[in-house]
Amino acid sequence: MTITADMHSEMNLLLQFPTDSLMTGIKIHHDAAPATIAAAQRLFDKGFTDAHDGGYLTDAGIELVEHLQVVHSALK
């Protein structure tokens, strides 16, 4: 299994979501890096966030971030 550049961008973006409160999200501005804007759109299309420009994590997004944090912690 290979981690593509798109997957890497999505994982980096997911790790930026605050996890201490489900009432906070993130906003991707129009002048962000194109890879970040595209990653935000893909995460929305996959149902992990509730807005194309960040927003809040969905239940599936929260679960994904929890798994991603385990991997991130193990590898650092």
PDB file of N, CA and C in Angstrom:
ATOM      1  N   MET A   1       0.842  -1.177   0.000  1.00  0.00           N
ATOM      2  CA  MET A   1       0.000   0.000   0.000  1.00  0.00           C
ATOM      3  C   MET A   1       0.888   1.242   0.000  1.00  0.00           C
ATOM      4  N   THR A   2       0.554   2.152  -0.852  1.00  0.00           N
ATOM      5  CA  THR A   2       1.301   3.395  -0.966  1.00  0.00           C
ATOM      6  C   THR A   2       0.425   4.564  -0.524  1.00  0.00           C
ATOM      7  N   ILE A   3       1.015   5.474   0.203  1.00  0.00           N
ATOM      8  CA  ILE A   3       0.310   6.689   0.588  1.00  0.00           C
ATOM      9  C   ILE A   3       0.578   7.722  -0.503  1.00  0.00           C
ATOM     10  N   THR A   4      -0.490   8.131  -1.171  1.00  0.00           N
ATOM     11  CA  THR A   4      -0.365   9.098  -2.254  1.00  0.00           C
ATOM     12  C   THR A   4      -0.209  10.511  -1.695  1.00  0.00           C
ATOM     13  N   ALA A   5       0.163  11.419  -2.565  1.00  0.00           N
ATOM     14  CA  ALA A   5       0.284  12.830  -2.160  1.00  0.00           C
ATOM     15  C   ALA A   5      -1.067  13.366  -1.694  1.00  0.00           C
ATOM     16  N   ASP A   6      -2.161  12.958  -2.367  1.00  0.00           N
ATOM     17  CA  ASP A   6      -3.498  13.404  -1.958  1.00  0.00           C
ATOM     18  C   ASP A   6      -3.842  12.887  -0.562  1.00  0.00           C
ATOM     19  N   MET A   7      -3.535  11.613  -0.305  1.00  0.00           N
ATOM     20  CA  MET A   7      -3.810  11.044   1.018  1.00  0.00           C
ATOM     21  C   MET A   7      -2.991  11.759   2.093  1.00  0.00           C
ATOM     22  N   HIS A   8      -1.746  12.063   1.766  1.00  0.00           N
ATOM     23  CA  HIS A   8      -0.875  12.772   2.705  1.00  0.00           C
ATOM     24  C   HIS A   8      -1.466  14.139   3.040  1.00  0.00           C
ATOM     25  N   SER A   9      -1.932  14.854   2.042  1.00  0.00           N
ATOM     26  CA  SER A   9      -2.554  16.168   2.272  1.00  0.00           C
ATOM     27  C   SER A   9      -3.801  16.037   3.133  1.00  0.00           C
ATOM     28  N   GLU A  10      -4.602  15.020   2.876  1.00  0.00           N
ATOM     29  CA  GLU A  10      -5.817  14.806   3.663  1.00  0.00           C
ATOM     30  C   GLU A  10      -5.474  14.476   5.112  1.00  0.00           C
ATOM     31  N   MET A  11      -4.486  13.620   5.321  1.00  0.00           N
ATOM     32  CA  MET A  11      -4.100  13.267   6.690  1.00  0.00           C
ATOM     33  C   MET A  11      -3.560  14.475   7.436  1.00  0.00           C
ATOM     34  N   ASN A  12      -2.723  15.269   6.769  1.00  0.00           N
ATOM     35  CA  ASN A  12      -2.197  16.479   7.415  1.00  0.00           C
ATOM     36  C   ASN A  12      -3.324  17.435   7.798  1.00  0.00           C
ATOM     37  N   LEU A  13      -4.306  17.563   6.928  1.00  0.00           N
ATOM     38  CA  LEU A  13      -5.430  18.441   7.230  1.00  0.00           C
ATOM     39  C   LEU A  13      -6.255  17.894   8.392  1.00  0.00           C
ATOM     40  N   LEU A  14      -6.512  16.600   8.398  1.00  0.00           N
ATOM     41  CA  LEU A  14      -7.269  15.993   9.491  1.00  0.00           C
ATOM     42  C   LEU A  14      -6.578  16.194  10.836  1.00  0.00           C
ATOM     43  N   LEU A  15      -5.261  16.130  10.851  1.00  0.00           N
ATOM     44  CA  LEU A  15      -4.526  16.307  12.105  1.00  0.00           C
ATOM     45  C   LEU A  15      -4.599  17.744  12.624  1.00  0.00           C
ATOM     46  N   GLN A  16      -5.079  18.677  11.809  1.00  0.00           N
ATOM     47  CA  GLN A  16      -5.218  20.066  12.251  1.00  0.00           C
ATOM     48  C   GLN A  16      -6.539  20.332  12.964  1.00  0.00           C
ATOM     49  N   PHE A  17      -7.485  19.399  12.851  1.00  0.00           N
ATOM     50  CA  PHE A  17      -8.763  19.601  13.522  1.00  0.00           C
ATOM     51  C   PHE A  17      -8.581  19.485  15.027  1.00  0.00           C
ATOM     52  N   PRO A  18      -9.170  20.412  15.781  1.00  0.00           N
ATOM     53  CA  PRO A  18      -9.088  20.323  17.239  1.00  0.00           C
ATOM     54  C   PRO A  18      -9.878  19.097  17.717  1.00  0.00           C
ATOM     55  N   THR A  19      -9.298  18.357  18.646  1.00  0.00           N
ATOM     56  CA  THR A  19      -9.973  17.154  19.136  1.00  0.00           C
ATOM     57  C   THR A  19     -10.426  17.292  20.584  1.00  0.00           C
ATOM     58  N   ASP A  20     -10.121  18.427  21.201  1.00  0.00           N
ATOM     59  CA  ASP A  20     -10.526  18.611  22.588  1.00  0.00           C
ATOM     60  C   ASP A  20     -11.989  19.035  22.706  1.00  0.00           C
ATOM     61  N   SER A  21     -12.584  19.479  21.619  1.00  0.00           N
ATOM     62  CA  SER A  21     -13.990  19.870  21.629  1.00  0.00           C
ATOM     63  C   SER A  21     -14.594  19.615  20.255  1.00  0.00           C
ATOM     64  N   LEU A  22     -15.742  18.964  20.238  1.00  0.00           N
ATOM     65  CA  LEU A  22     -16.429  18.714  18.974  1.00  0.00           C
ATOM     66  C   LEU A  22     -17.152  19.958  18.477  1.00  0.00           C
ATOM     67  N   MET A  23     -17.134  21.014  19.258  1.00  0.00           N
ATOM     68  CA  MET A  23     -17.816  22.248  18.897  1.00  0.00           C
ATOM     69  C   MET A  23     -16.901  23.233  18.177  1.00  0.00           C
ATOM     70  N   THR A  24     -15.693  22.797  17.857  1.00  0.00           N
ATOM     71  CA  THR A  24     -14.776  23.650  17.106  1.00  0.00           C
ATOM     72  C   THR A  24     -14.358  22.929  15.830  1.00  0.00           C
ATOM     73  N   GLY A  25     -14.171  23.692  14.793  1.00  0.00           N
ATOM     74  CA  GLY A  25     -13.754  23.138  13.513  1.00  0.00           C
ATOM     75  C   GLY A  25     -12.643  23.981  12.942  1.00  0.00           C
ATOM     76  N   ILE A  26     -12.460  23.877  11.636  1.00  0.00           N
ATOM     77  CA  ILE A  26     -11.455  24.690  10.971  1.00  0.00           C
ATOM     78  C   ILE A  26     -12.065  25.312   9.717  1.00  0.00           C
ATOM     79  N   LYS A  27     -11.436  26.372   9.250  1.00  0.00           N
ATOM     80  CA  LYS A  27     -11.876  27.071   8.051  1.00  0.00           C
ATOM     81  C   LYS A  27     -10.690  27.160   7.114  1.00  0.00           C
ATOM     82  N   ILE A  28     -10.860  26.655   5.899  1.00  0.00           N
ATOM     83  CA  ILE A  28      -9.827  26.757   4.879  1.00  0.00           C
ATOM     84  C   ILE A  28     -10.155  27.972   4.027  1.00  0.00           C
ATOM     85  N   HIS A  29      -9.286  28.943   4.019  1.00  0.00           N
ATOM     86  CA  HIS A  29      -9.529  30.176   3.279  1.00  0.00           C
ATOM     87  C   HIS A  29      -9.192  30.015   1.797  1.00  0.00           C
ATOM     88  N   HIS A  30      -9.761  30.869   0.989  1.00  0.00           N
ATOM     89  CA  HIS A  30      -9.584  30.785  -0.461  1.00  0.00           C
ATOM     90  C   HIS A  30      -8.137  30.967  -0.903  1.00  0.00           C
ATOM     91  N   ASP A  31      -7.323  31.579  -0.063  1.00  0.00           N
ATOM     92  CA  ASP A  31      -5.924  31.801  -0.435  1.00  0.00           C
ATOM     93  C   ASP A  31      -4.981  30.745   0.149  1.00  0.00           C
ATOM     94  N   ALA A  32      -5.545  29.664   0.687  1.00  0.00           N
ATOM     95  CA  ALA A  32      -4.716  28.560   1.187  1.00  0.00           C
ATOM     96  C   ALA A  32      -4.046  27.855   0.014  1.00  0.00           C
ATOM     97  N   ALA A  33      -3.093  27.015   0.319  1.00  0.00           N
ATOM     98  CA  ALA A  33      -2.398  26.256  -0.730  1.00  0.00           C
ATOM     99  C   ALA A  33      -3.417  25.412  -1.503  1.00  0.00           C
ATOM    100  N   PRO A  34      -3.267  25.339  -2.806  1.00  0.00           N
ATOM    101  CA  PRO A  34      -4.203  24.550  -3.618  1.00  0.00           C
ATOM    102  C   PRO A  34      -4.358  23.101  -3.140  1.00  0.00           C
ATOM    103  N   ALA A  35      -3.270  22.495  -2.673  1.00  0.00           N
ATOM    104  CA  ALA A  35      -3.352  21.110  -2.177  1.00  0.00           C
ATOM    105  C   ALA A  35      -4.240  21.029  -0.936  1.00  0.00           C
ATOM    106  N   THR A  36      -4.202  22.057  -0.096  1.00  0.00           N
ATOM    107  CA  THR A  36      -5.031  22.075   1.106  1.00  0.00           C
ATOM    108  C   THR A  36      -6.500  22.264   0.749  1.00  0.00           C
ATOM    109  N   ILE A  37      -6.770  23.153  -0.176  1.00  0.00           N
ATOM    110  CA  ILE A  37      -8.147  23.382  -0.624  1.00  0.00           C
ATOM    111  C   ILE A  37      -8.720  22.106  -1.241  1.00  0.00           C
ATOM    112  N   ALA A  38      -7.928  21.450  -2.059  1.00  0.00           N
ATOM    113  CA  ALA A  38      -8.377  20.205  -2.704  1.00  0.00           C
ATOM    114  C   ALA A  38      -8.584  19.107  -1.662  1.00  0.00           C
ATOM    115  N   ALA A  39      -7.698  19.031  -0.669  1.00  0.00           N
ATOM    116  CA  ALA A  39      -7.847  18.017   0.386  1.00  0.00           C
ATOM    117  C   ALA A  39      -9.128  18.254   1.173  1.00  0.00           C
ATOM    118  N   ALA A  40      -9.429  19.502   1.469  1.00  0.00           N
ATOM    119  CA  ALA A  40     -10.664  19.821   2.201  1.00  0.00           C
ATOM    120  C   ALA A  40     -11.887  19.393   1.399  1.00  0.00           C
ATOM    121  N   GLN A  41     -11.866  19.618   0.113  1.00  0.00           N
ATOM    122  CA  GLN A  41     -12.990  19.217  -0.740  1.00  0.00           C
ATOM    123  C   GLN A  41     -13.135  17.694  -0.764  1.00  0.00           C
ATOM    124  N   ARG A  42     -12.017  16.982  -0.878  1.00  0.00           N
ATOM    125  CA  ARG A  42     -12.072  15.514  -0.895  1.00  0.00           C
ATOM    126  C   ARG A  42     -12.600  14.954   0.423  1.00  0.00           C
ATOM    127  N   LEU A  43     -12.172  15.549   1.540  1.00  0.00           N
ATOM    128  CA  LEU A  43     -12.659  15.083   2.841  1.00  0.00           C
ATOM    129  C   LEU A  43     -14.164  15.305   2.958  1.00  0.00           C
ATOM    130  N   PHE A  44     -14.647  16.424   2.440  1.00  0.00           N
ATOM    131  CA  PHE A  44     -16.082  16.695   2.421  1.00  0.00           C
ATOM    132  C   PHE A  44     -16.799  15.690   1.527  1.00  0.00           C
ATOM    133  N   ASP A  45     -16.257  15.454   0.336  1.00  0.00           N
ATOM    134  CA  ASP A  45     -16.871  14.506  -0.604  1.00  0.00           C
ATOM    135  C   ASP A  45     -16.943  13.098  -0.024  1.00  0.00           C
ATOM    136  N   LYS A  46     -15.974  12.744   0.801  1.00  0.00           N
ATOM    137  CA  LYS A  46     -15.943  11.411   1.417  1.00  0.00           C
ATOM    138  C   LYS A  46     -16.804  11.324   2.676  1.00  0.00           C
ATOM    139  N   GLY A  47     -17.340  12.455   3.109  1.00  0.00           N
ATOM    140  CA  GLY A  47     -18.221  12.462   4.273  1.00  0.00           C
ATOM    141  C   GLY A  47     -17.520  12.583   5.611  1.00  0.00           C
ATOM    142  N   PHE A  48     -16.265  13.033   5.621  1.00  0.00           N
ATOM    143  CA  PHE A  48     -15.526  13.166   6.869  1.00  0.00           C
ATOM    144  C   PHE A  48     -15.663  14.552   7.499  1.00  0.00           C
ATOM    145  N   THR A  49     -16.070  15.534   6.709  1.00  0.00           N
ATOM    146  CA  THR A  49     -16.333  16.875   7.218  1.00  0.00           C
ATOM    147  C   THR A  49     -17.697  17.330   6.714  1.00  0.00           C
ATOM    148  N   ASP A  50     -18.217  18.366   7.345  1.00  0.00           N
ATOM    149  CA  ASP A  50     -19.559  18.819   6.963  1.00  0.00           C
ATOM    150  C   ASP A  50     -19.556  20.030   6.034  1.00  0.00           C
ATOM    151  N   ALA A  51     -18.367  20.465   5.601  1.00  0.00           N
ATOM    152  CA  ALA A  51     -18.281  21.611   4.687  1.00  0.00           C
ATOM    153  C   ALA A  51     -17.084  21.433   3.764  1.00  0.00           C
ATOM    154  N   HIS A  52     -17.210  21.952   2.561  1.00  0.00           N
ATOM    155  CA  HIS A  52     -16.130  21.802   1.577  1.00  0.00           C
ATOM    156  C   HIS A  52     -14.887  22.592   1.942  1.00  0.00           C
ATOM    157  N   ASP A  53     -15.016  23.544   2.848  1.00  0.00           N
ATOM    158  CA  ASP A  53     -13.871  24.365   3.255  1.00  0.00           C
ATOM    159  C   ASP A  53     -13.484  24.126   4.712  1.00  0.00           C
ATOM    160  N   GLY A  54     -13.651  22.898   5.146  1.00  0.00           N
ATOM    161  CA  GLY A  54     -13.285  22.535   6.512  1.00  0.00           C
ATOM    162  C   GLY A  54     -14.500  22.212   7.333  1.00  0.00           C
ATOM    163  N   GLY A  55     -14.934  23.175   8.120  1.00  0.00           N
ATOM    164  CA  GLY A  55     -16.117  22.958   8.944  1.00  0.00           C
ATOM    165  C   GLY A  55     -15.812  22.076  10.141  1.00  0.00           C
ATOM    166  N   TYR A  56     -16.744  21.180  10.416  1.00  0.00           N
ATOM    167  CA  TYR A  56     -16.632  20.284  11.560  1.00  0.00           C
ATOM    168  C   TYR A  56     -16.471  18.856  11.070  1.00  0.00           C
ATOM    169  N   LEU A  57     -15.853  18.030  11.905  1.00  0.00           N
ATOM    170  CA  LEU A  57     -15.753  16.614  11.583  1.00  0.00           C
ATOM    171  C   LEU A  57     -17.106  15.944  11.766  1.00  0.00           C
ATOM    172  N   THR A  58     -17.433  15.032  10.872  1.00  0.00           N
ATOM    173  CA  THR A  58     -18.616  14.200  11.050  1.00  0.00           C
ATOM    174  C   THR A  58     -18.241  13.064  12.007  1.00  0.00           C
ATOM    175  N   ASP A  59     -19.200  12.223  12.352  1.00  0.00           N
ATOM    176  CA  ASP A  59     -18.892  11.072  13.211  1.00  0.00           C
ATOM    177  C   ASP A  59     -17.814  10.200  12.573  1.00  0.00           C
ATOM    178  N   ALA A  60     -17.920   9.975  11.266  1.00  0.00           N
ATOM    179  CA  ALA A  60     -16.910   9.184  10.564  1.00  0.00           C
ATOM    180  C   ALA A  60     -15.552   9.894  10.592  1.00  0.00           C
ATOM    181  N   GLY A  61     -15.569  11.215  10.476  1.00  0.00           N
ATOM    182  CA  GLY A  61     -14.335  11.992  10.529  1.00  0.00           C
ATOM    183  C   GLY A  61     -13.672  11.918  11.891  1.00  0.00           C
ATOM    184  N   ILE A  62     -14.474  11.965  12.941  1.00  0.00           N
ATOM    185  CA  ILE A  62     -13.937  11.860  14.303  1.00  0.00           C
ATOM    186  C   ILE A  62     -13.254  10.509  14.487  1.00  0.00           C
ATOM    187  N   GLU A  63     -13.914   9.452  14.030  1.00  0.00           N
ATOM    188  CA  GLU A  63     -13.337   8.113  14.149  1.00  0.00           C
ATOM    189  C   GLU A  63     -12.036   8.007  13.349  1.00  0.00           C
ATOM    190  N   LEU A  64     -12.032   8.581  12.151  1.00  0.00           N
ATOM    191  CA  LEU A  64     -10.838   8.552  11.317  1.00  0.00           C
ATOM    192  C   LEU A  64      -9.687   9.293  11.989  1.00  0.00           C
ATOM    193  N   VAL A  65      -9.953  10.447  12.559  1.00  0.00           N
ATOM    194  CA  VAL A  65      -8.911  11.214  13.235  1.00  0.00           C
ATOM    195  C   VAL A  65      -8.357  10.441  14.424  1.00  0.00           C
ATOM    196  N   GLU A  66      -9.218   9.758  15.158  1.00  0.00           N
ATOM    197  CA  GLU A  66      -8.748   8.958  16.296  1.00  0.00           C
ATOM    198  C   GLU A  66      -7.750   7.895  15.827  1.00  0.00           C
ATOM    199  N   HIS A  67      -8.066   7.209  14.727  1.00  0.00           N
ATOM    200  CA  HIS A  67      -7.153   6.199  14.187  1.00  0.00           C
ATOM    201  C   HIS A  67      -5.866   6.847  13.676  1.00  0.00           C
ATOM    202  N   LEU A  68      -6.014   7.970  13.014  1.00  0.00           N
ATOM    203  CA  LEU A  68      -4.859   8.675  12.473  1.00  0.00           C
ATOM    204  C   LEU A  68      -3.923   9.136  13.590  1.00  0.00           C
ATOM    205  N   GLN A  69      -4.477   9.566  14.702  1.00  0.00           N
ATOM    206  CA  GLN A  69      -3.653  10.002  15.831  1.00  0.00           C
ATOM    207  C   GLN A  69      -2.854   8.844  16.405  1.00  0.00           C
ATOM    208  N   VAL A  70      -3.424   7.642  16.421  1.00  0.00           N
ATOM    209  CA  VAL A  70      -2.709   6.465  16.895  1.00  0.00           C
ATOM    210  C   VAL A  70      -1.507   6.187  15.988  1.00  0.00           C
ATOM    211  N   VAL A  71      -1.746   6.221  14.679  1.00  0.00           N
ATOM    212  CA  VAL A  71      -0.659   5.985  13.722  1.00  0.00           C
ATOM    213  C   VAL A  71       0.400   7.077  13.858  1.00  0.00           C
ATOM    214  N   HIS A  72      -0.037   8.304  13.920  1.00  0.00           N
ATOM    215  CA  HIS A  72       0.891   9.440  14.032  1.00  0.00           C
ATOM    216  C   HIS A  72       1.754   9.292  15.298  1.00  0.00           C
ATOM    217  N   SER A  73       1.121   8.960  16.401  1.00  0.00           N
ATOM    218  CA  SER A  73       1.833   8.804  17.659  1.00  0.00           C
ATOM    219  C   SER A  73       2.848   7.659  17.595  1.00  0.00           C
ATOM    220  N   ALA A  74       2.468   6.575  16.955  1.00  0.00           N
ATOM    221  CA  ALA A  74       3.357   5.420  16.853  1.00  0.00           C
ATOM    222  C   ALA A  74       4.575   5.708  15.980  1.00  0.00           C
ATOM    223  N   LEU A  75       4.402   6.533  14.966  1.00  0.00           N
ATOM    224  CA  LEU A  75       5.482   6.778  14.021  1.00  0.00           C
ATOM    225  C   LEU A  75       6.403   7.938  14.381  1.00  0.00           C
ATOM    226  N   LYS A  76       5.986   8.785  15.305  1.00  0.00           N
ATOM    227  CA  LYS A  76       6.853   9.928  15.597  1.00  0.00           C
ATOM    228  C   LYS A  76       7.888   9.612  16.637  1.00  0.00           C
TER     229      LYS A  76
END
